[in-house]
């Protein structure tokens, strides 16, 4: 598995040989595997551990385990405590979202402090499948059903080429201990329901479901590249700025094979609901519609219908 991951890193230009990297280390199976492999592959590893104080003594147990692991491996450990519930309450968001924001914000701060080239996180192929299914249920676009990207800015995911079973086998062969998060066994969260209920049922229908899904996701990714390339070209054709204000030429939008799709892509950063697109396309001159962070107004300029976006 070491060679498979080394090849994956090289083929996808995820890391440079011997680079200093931050390894997100929770103490669970995936992060222990990731950190161990990065060390074995010769990277200068600094482990980063967050205690979100959401699981009582279990979270403290994980912190103690991570400290022992890093000491045994001879690597530097940086750790932090978060009052996740307080942050979630203050910002009126869920605890999962709060933990994600706190985690990645601190990882980036750490990356800069330690002058590391990347932040490595332990998502694997099963995680990517779960994400694609979740996004499909939520109604995400084609990019969402491609799964998890192996690189997003400074965040890299070297384990996306291997499965959970591969990770468990690696840990067993290398006699590596790890901690189990008991909440992963509960079905209170949508991701856990996908993992523990939906996917096993799909595997009853199609035993090779995961392999088929990964193949589909590769196909979706290729289609997404084509789709996004076309959208970029069309934006150049229909979008202009006058005194810094975006103007969308609706006459040109209507020339596109799928006008509603193009307009949605142009407006999605303004949190437009897909159902509003057809109304906007046919809105009368002089009319306006208010979105959460913009006001859209139809005006006729030089004989053409322009959608003007005011923030």
Protein backbone atom coordinates (compact mmCIF):
# COMPACT_ATOMS: atom_id res chain seq x y z
CA UNK A 1 0.00 0.00 0.00
CA UNK A 2 2.94 2.32 0.62
CA UNK A 3 3.93 2.19 -3.03
CA UNK A 4 0.35 2.69 -4.21
CA UNK A 5 -0.01 5.86 -2.13
CA UNK A 6 3.46 7.10 -3.11
CA UNK A 7 2.51 6.71 -6.79
CA UNK A 8 -0.83 8.42 -6.20
CA UNK A 9 0.89 11.38 -4.53
CA UNK A 10 3.37 11.67 -7.40
CA UNK A 11 0.86 11.21 -10.23
CA UNK A 12 -1.45 13.86 -8.80
CA UNK A 13 1.33 16.26 -7.68
CA UNK A 14 -0.02 16.30 -4.14
CA UNK A 15 3.29 16.68 -2.30
CA UNK A 16 6.96 17.22 -3.07
CA UNK A 17 9.40 14.58 -1.76
CA UNK A 18 10.55 15.19 1.79
CA UNK A 19 8.28 18.19 2.27
CA UNK A 20 7.19 19.41 5.69
CA UNK A 21 3.50 18.58 6.11
CA UNK A 22 0.80 18.92 8.74
CA UNK A 23 -0.94 15.60 9.37
CA UNK A 24 -4.42 15.88 10.89
CA UNK A 25 -4.30 13.26 13.65
CA UNK A 26 -7.49 12.43 15.54
CA UNK A 27 -6.23 9.09 16.82
CA UNK A 28 -8.71 7.12 14.71
CA UNK A 29 -7.77 4.38 12.28
CA UNK A 30 -7.62 6.58 9.19
CA UNK A 31 -5.48 9.35 10.66
CA UNK A 32 -3.08 6.90 12.34
CA UNK A 33 -2.64 5.16 8.99
CA UNK A 34 -2.09 8.46 7.17
CA UNK A 35 0.46 9.77 9.66
CA UNK A 36 2.37 6.48 9.75
CA UNK A 37 2.52 6.30 5.95
CA UNK A 38 3.69 9.91 5.60
CA UNK A 39 6.51 9.19 8.04
CA UNK A 40 7.47 5.99 6.21
CA UNK A 41 7.51 7.86 2.89
CA UNK A 42 10.05 10.32 4.27
CA UNK A 43 7.98 13.46 4.83
CA UNK A 44 8.77 15.88 7.64
CA UNK A 45 5.57 15.29 9.60
CA UNK A 46 4.03 17.55 12.24
CA UNK A 47 0.91 16.04 13.78
CA UNK A 48 -2.07 18.29 14.55
CA UNK A 49 -4.70 17.16 17.06
CA UNK A 50 -7.98 18.89 17.95
CA UNK A 51 -10.02 18.17 21.06
CA UNK A 52 -13.52 19.46 20.34
CA UNK A 53 -14.83 18.48 23.78
CA UNK A 54 -17.93 16.87 22.31
CA UNK A 55 -17.44 13.31 23.58
CA UNK A 56 -16.52 13.77 27.23
CA UNK A 57 -13.80 11.46 28.57
CA UNK A 58 -13.56 9.69 25.20
CA UNK A 59 -12.14 12.85 23.61
CA UNK A 60 -9.57 13.19 26.41
CA UNK A 61 -8.68 9.52 25.94
CA UNK A 62 -7.97 10.20 22.24
CA UNK A 63 -5.71 13.14 23.09
CA UNK A 64 -3.68 11.01 25.50
CA UNK A 65 -3.39 8.26 22.87
CA UNK A 66 -2.20 10.73 20.21
CA UNK A 67 0.44 12.10 22.59
CA UNK A 68 1.76 8.59 23.20
CA UNK A 69 1.71 7.73 19.48
CA UNK A 70 3.64 10.84 18.46
CA UNK A 71 6.18 10.32 21.23
CA UNK A 72 6.72 6.75 20.06
CA UNK A 73 7.10 7.83 16.42
CA UNK A 74 9.40 10.71 17.36
CA UNK A 75 7.35 13.42 15.66
CA UNK A 76 6.28 16.87 16.77
CA UNK A 77 2.70 17.23 18.01
CA UNK A 78 0.63 20.42 18.03
CA UNK A 79 -2.71 20.24 19.82
CA UNK A 80 -5.58 22.55 20.61
CA UNK A 81 -8.83 22.56 22.62
CA UNK A 82 -12.06 23.99 21.22
CA UNK A 83 -15.33 24.88 22.92
CA UNK A 84 -17.23 23.68 19.88
CA UNK A 85 -20.71 23.96 21.35
CA UNK A 86 -20.14 27.58 22.34
CA UNK A 87 -18.85 28.43 18.86
CA UNK A 88 -21.83 26.70 17.22
CA UNK A 89 -24.27 28.56 19.47
CA UNK A 90 -22.61 31.92 18.89
CA UNK A 91 -22.63 31.54 15.10
CA UNK A 92 -26.00 29.73 14.96
CA UNK A 93 -24.62 26.69 13.12
CA UNK A 94 -24.55 22.95 13.79
CA UNK A 95 -21.79 21.34 15.81
CA UNK A 96 -20.46 19.43 12.78
CA UNK A 97 -20.10 22.64 10.79
CA UNK A 98 -18.58 24.42 13.79
CA UNK A 99 -15.99 21.68 14.24
CA UNK A 100 -15.12 21.80 10.54
CA UNK A 101 -14.62 25.58 10.57
CA UNK A 102 -12.55 25.49 13.76
CA UNK A 103 -10.47 22.56 12.57
CA UNK A 104 -9.52 23.85 9.14
CA UNK A 105 -9.00 27.40 10.36
CA UNK A 106 -6.48 26.18 12.92
CA UNK A 107 -4.81 23.81 10.44
CA UNK A 108 -4.12 26.73 8.11
CA UNK A 109 -2.79 28.84 10.97
CA UNK A 110 -0.54 25.96 11.93
CA UNK A 111 0.64 25.45 8.36
CA UNK A 112 1.81 29.04 8.22
CA UNK A 113 3.45 28.95 11.65
CA UNK A 114 5.33 25.73 10.86
CA UNK A 115 6.08 26.78 7.26
CA UNK A 116 4.58 23.52 6.02
CA UNK A 117 3.75 22.96 2.36
CA UNK A 118 0.46 21.13 2.90
CA UNK A 119 -2.21 19.96 5.32
CA UNK A 120 -2.81 16.22 4.93
CA UNK A 121 -6.17 14.78 5.94
CA UNK A 122 -7.16 11.13 6.00
CA UNK A 123 -10.21 10.88 3.76
CA UNK A 124 -10.28 7.61 1.80
CA UNK A 125 -12.33 6.26 -1.11
CA UNK A 126 -15.23 5.15 1.11
CA UNK A 127 -15.49 8.72 2.46
CA UNK A 128 -15.60 10.01 -1.10
CA UNK A 129 -18.45 7.66 -2.00
CA UNK A 130 -20.40 8.75 1.09
CA UNK A 131 -19.89 12.40 0.17
CA UNK A 132 -21.10 11.83 -3.39
CA UNK A 133 -24.25 10.09 -2.13
CA UNK A 134 -24.92 12.81 0.43
CA UNK A 135 -24.55 15.50 -2.20
CA UNK A 136 -26.83 13.58 -4.55
CA UNK A 137 -29.53 13.47 -1.86
CA UNK A 138 -29.07 17.17 -1.13
CA UNK A 139 -29.48 18.08 -4.80
CA UNK A 140 -25.93 19.22 -5.48
CA UNK A 141 -24.74 19.84 -9.03
CA UNK A 142 -22.42 17.63 -11.02
CA UNK A 143 -19.32 18.77 -9.13
CA UNK A 144 -20.88 17.61 -5.88
CA UNK A 145 -21.46 14.05 -7.06
CA UNK A 146 -17.82 13.67 -8.11
CA UNK A 147 -16.90 12.99 -4.49
CA UNK A 148 -14.00 14.51 -2.56
CA UNK A 149 -11.19 16.30 -4.37
CA UNK A 150 -7.68 15.02 -3.66
CA UNK A 151 -6.37 18.58 -3.47
CA UNK A 152 -8.07 21.80 -2.45
CA UNK A 153 -5.63 24.63 -1.95
CA UNK A 154 -3.15 23.51 0.72
CA UNK A 155 -5.36 20.61 1.80
CA UNK A 156 -4.38 17.25 0.29
CA UNK A 157 -5.84 13.77 0.68
CA UNK A 158 -3.23 11.09 -0.06
CA UNK A 159 -5.49 8.19 0.98
CA UNK A 160 -8.26 8.72 -1.57
CA UNK A 161 -6.79 5.92 -3.65
CA UNK A 162 -7.38 3.32 -0.92
CA UNK A 163 -10.44 1.96 0.87
CA UNK A 164 -11.33 1.58 4.52
CA UNK A 165 -10.56 -2.14 4.25
CA UNK A 166 -7.11 -1.33 2.84
CA UNK A 167 -6.47 0.95 5.82
CA UNK A 168 -7.58 -1.66 8.34
CA UNK A 169 -5.33 -4.26 6.70
CA UNK A 170 -2.35 -1.85 6.80
CA UNK A 171 -2.92 -1.16 10.50
CA UNK A 172 -3.11 -4.87 11.27
CA UNK A 173 0.03 -5.74 9.29
CA UNK A 174 1.97 -2.96 10.97
CA UNK A 175 0.58 -3.72 14.44
CA UNK A 176 -0.75 -0.18 14.82
CA UNK A 177 -3.28 0.62 17.52
CA UNK A 178 -5.97 3.28 17.13
CA UNK A 179 -8.95 4.77 18.92
CA UNK A 180 -12.58 4.23 17.88
CA UNK A 181 -15.01 7.16 17.89
CA UNK A 182 -18.22 5.68 19.31
CA UNK A 183 -20.34 8.31 17.53
CA UNK A 184 -19.36 6.74 14.19
CA UNK A 185 -21.47 3.73 15.14
CA UNK A 186 -24.57 5.84 15.80
CA UNK A 187 -27.03 6.79 13.08
CA UNK A 188 -27.89 10.26 14.36
CA UNK A 189 -25.98 11.93 11.54
CA UNK A 190 -26.78 11.69 7.83
CA UNK A 191 -23.28 10.55 6.92
CA UNK A 192 -23.49 7.71 9.42
CA UNK A 193 -26.84 6.66 7.97
CA UNK A 194 -25.28 6.58 4.50
CA UNK A 195 -22.30 4.56 5.80
CA UNK A 196 -24.06 2.19 8.16
CA UNK A 197 -27.46 1.72 6.49
CA UNK A 198 -27.69 2.91 2.87
CA UNK A 199 -24.43 1.55 1.45
CA UNK A 200 -24.84 -1.93 3.01
CA UNK A 201 -28.34 -2.12 1.49
CA UNK A 202 -26.99 -1.08 -1.91
CA UNK A 203 -24.28 -3.74 -1.62
CA UNK A 204 -27.03 -6.33 -1.17
CA UNK A 205 -28.37 -5.27 -4.56
CA UNK A 206 -24.92 -4.90 -6.13
CA UNK A 207 -22.06 -6.52 -4.16
CA UNK A 208 -19.51 -4.50 -6.18
CA UNK A 209 -21.41 -1.26 -5.56
CA UNK A 210 -18.38 0.64 -4.23
CA UNK A 211 -16.24 -0.23 -7.25
CA UNK A 212 -19.07 0.73 -9.59
CA UNK A 213 -19.60 3.99 -7.70
CA UNK A 214 -15.91 4.90 -7.87
CA UNK A 215 -15.95 4.25 -11.62
CA UNK A 216 -19.06 6.43 -11.98
CA UNK A 217 -17.41 9.20 -9.97
CA UNK A 218 -14.39 9.13 -12.29
CA UNK A 219 -16.78 9.54 -15.22
CA UNK A 220 -18.65 12.34 -13.44
CA UNK A 221 -15.34 14.12 -12.83
CA UNK A 222 -14.45 14.02 -16.52
CA UNK A 223 -17.89 15.31 -17.48
CA UNK A 224 -17.60 18.04 -14.82
CA UNK A 225 -14.32 19.22 -16.35
CA UNK A 226 -16.02 19.57 -19.74
CA UNK A 227 -19.08 21.23 -18.20
CA UNK A 228 -17.06 23.74 -16.18
CA UNK A 229 -14.90 24.59 -19.19
CA UNK A 230 -17.99 25.38 -21.26
CA UNK A 231 -19.48 27.49 -18.45
CA UNK A 232 -16.25 29.52 -18.16
CA UNK A 233 -16.32 30.27 -21.90
CA UNK A 234 -20.00 31.20 -21.81
CA UNK A 235 -19.50 33.54 -18.85
CA UNK A 236 -16.99 35.49 -20.91
CA UNK A 237 -19.61 35.78 -23.67
CA UNK A 238 -22.58 36.90 -21.60
CA UNK A 239 -21.13 38.66 -18.54
CA UNK A 240 -19.70 42.18 -18.50
CA UNK A 241 -19.00 44.86 -15.90
CA UNK A 242 -20.05 48.49 -16.09
CA UNK A 243 -18.54 50.66 -13.36
CA UNK A 244 -17.84 47.47 -11.45
CA UNK A 245 -21.47 46.26 -11.56
CA UNK A 246 -22.13 42.84 -13.16
CA UNK A 247 -24.39 42.87 -16.22
CA UNK A 248 -25.68 39.61 -17.71
CA UNK A 249 -26.85 39.83 -21.30
CA UNK A 250 -30.03 37.73 -21.25
CA UNK A 251 -30.36 37.81 -25.03
CA UNK A 252 -27.05 35.96 -25.25
CA UNK A 253 -27.99 33.65 -22.37
CA UNK A 254 -31.07 32.59 -24.34
CA UNK A 255 -28.83 31.57 -27.26
CA UNK A 256 -27.20 28.87 -25.11
CA UNK A 257 -28.45 25.30 -25.44
CA UNK A 258 -29.59 25.34 -21.78
CA UNK A 259 -30.28 28.97 -20.78
CA UNK A 260 -31.56 28.14 -17.28
CA UNK A 261 -28.46 26.10 -16.45
CA UNK A 262 -26.15 28.87 -17.61
CA UNK A 263 -28.02 31.55 -15.66
CA UNK A 264 -27.99 29.39 -12.53
CA UNK A 265 -24.21 29.03 -12.76
CA UNK A 266 -23.92 32.81 -13.17
CA UNK A 267 -26.10 33.49 -10.15
CA UNK A 268 -25.40 30.63 -7.71
CA UNK A 269 -22.87 32.69 -5.73
CA UNK A 270 -25.81 34.96 -4.85
CA UNK A 271 -27.70 32.02 -3.31
CA UNK A 272 -30.41 31.91 -5.95
CA UNK A 273 -32.82 28.98 -5.74
CA UNK A 274 -32.99 26.92 -8.95
CA UNK A 275 -36.78 27.38 -9.05
CA UNK A 276 -36.30 31.16 -9.37
CA UNK A 277 -34.26 30.90 -12.57
CA UNK A 278 -37.18 30.52 -15.00
CA UNK A 279 -38.93 33.51 -13.38
CA UNK A 280 -35.81 35.66 -13.75
CA UNK A 281 -35.40 34.67 -17.40
CA UNK A 282 -38.91 35.85 -18.21
CA UNK A 283 -39.07 38.82 -15.83
CA UNK A 284 -40.37 42.05 -17.37
CA UNK A 285 -38.11 45.04 -17.98
CA UNK A 286 -37.89 47.27 -14.92
CA UNK A 287 -38.77 44.49 -12.49
CA UNK A 288 -36.47 43.39 -9.66
CA UNK A 289 -36.01 40.38 -7.42
CA UNK A 290 -34.20 40.38 -4.09
CA UNK A 291 -31.88 37.54 -3.11
CA UNK A 292 -30.16 37.07 0.23
CA UNK A 293 -27.10 39.05 -0.85
CA UNK A 294 -28.06 40.86 -4.06
CA UNK A 295 -30.82 42.63 -5.94
CA UNK A 296 -31.38 41.63 -9.58
CA UNK A 297 -32.95 44.15 -11.95
CA UNK A 298 -33.91 43.81 -15.61
CA UNK A 299 -33.06 46.79 -17.84
CA UNK A 300 -33.00 47.22 -21.59
CA UNK A 301 -29.66 48.62 -22.76
CA UNK A 302 -28.90 49.19 -26.46
CA UNK A 303 -31.92 47.10 -27.34
CA UNK A 304 -30.87 44.07 -25.28
CA UNK A 305 -32.19 42.75 -21.97
CA UNK A 306 -29.59 43.05 -19.27
CA UNK A 307 -29.78 41.53 -15.78
CA UNK A 308 -28.01 43.93 -13.44
CA UNK A 309 -26.67 42.63 -10.12
CA UNK A 310 -26.41 45.06 -7.23
CA UNK A 311 -24.89 43.81 -3.97
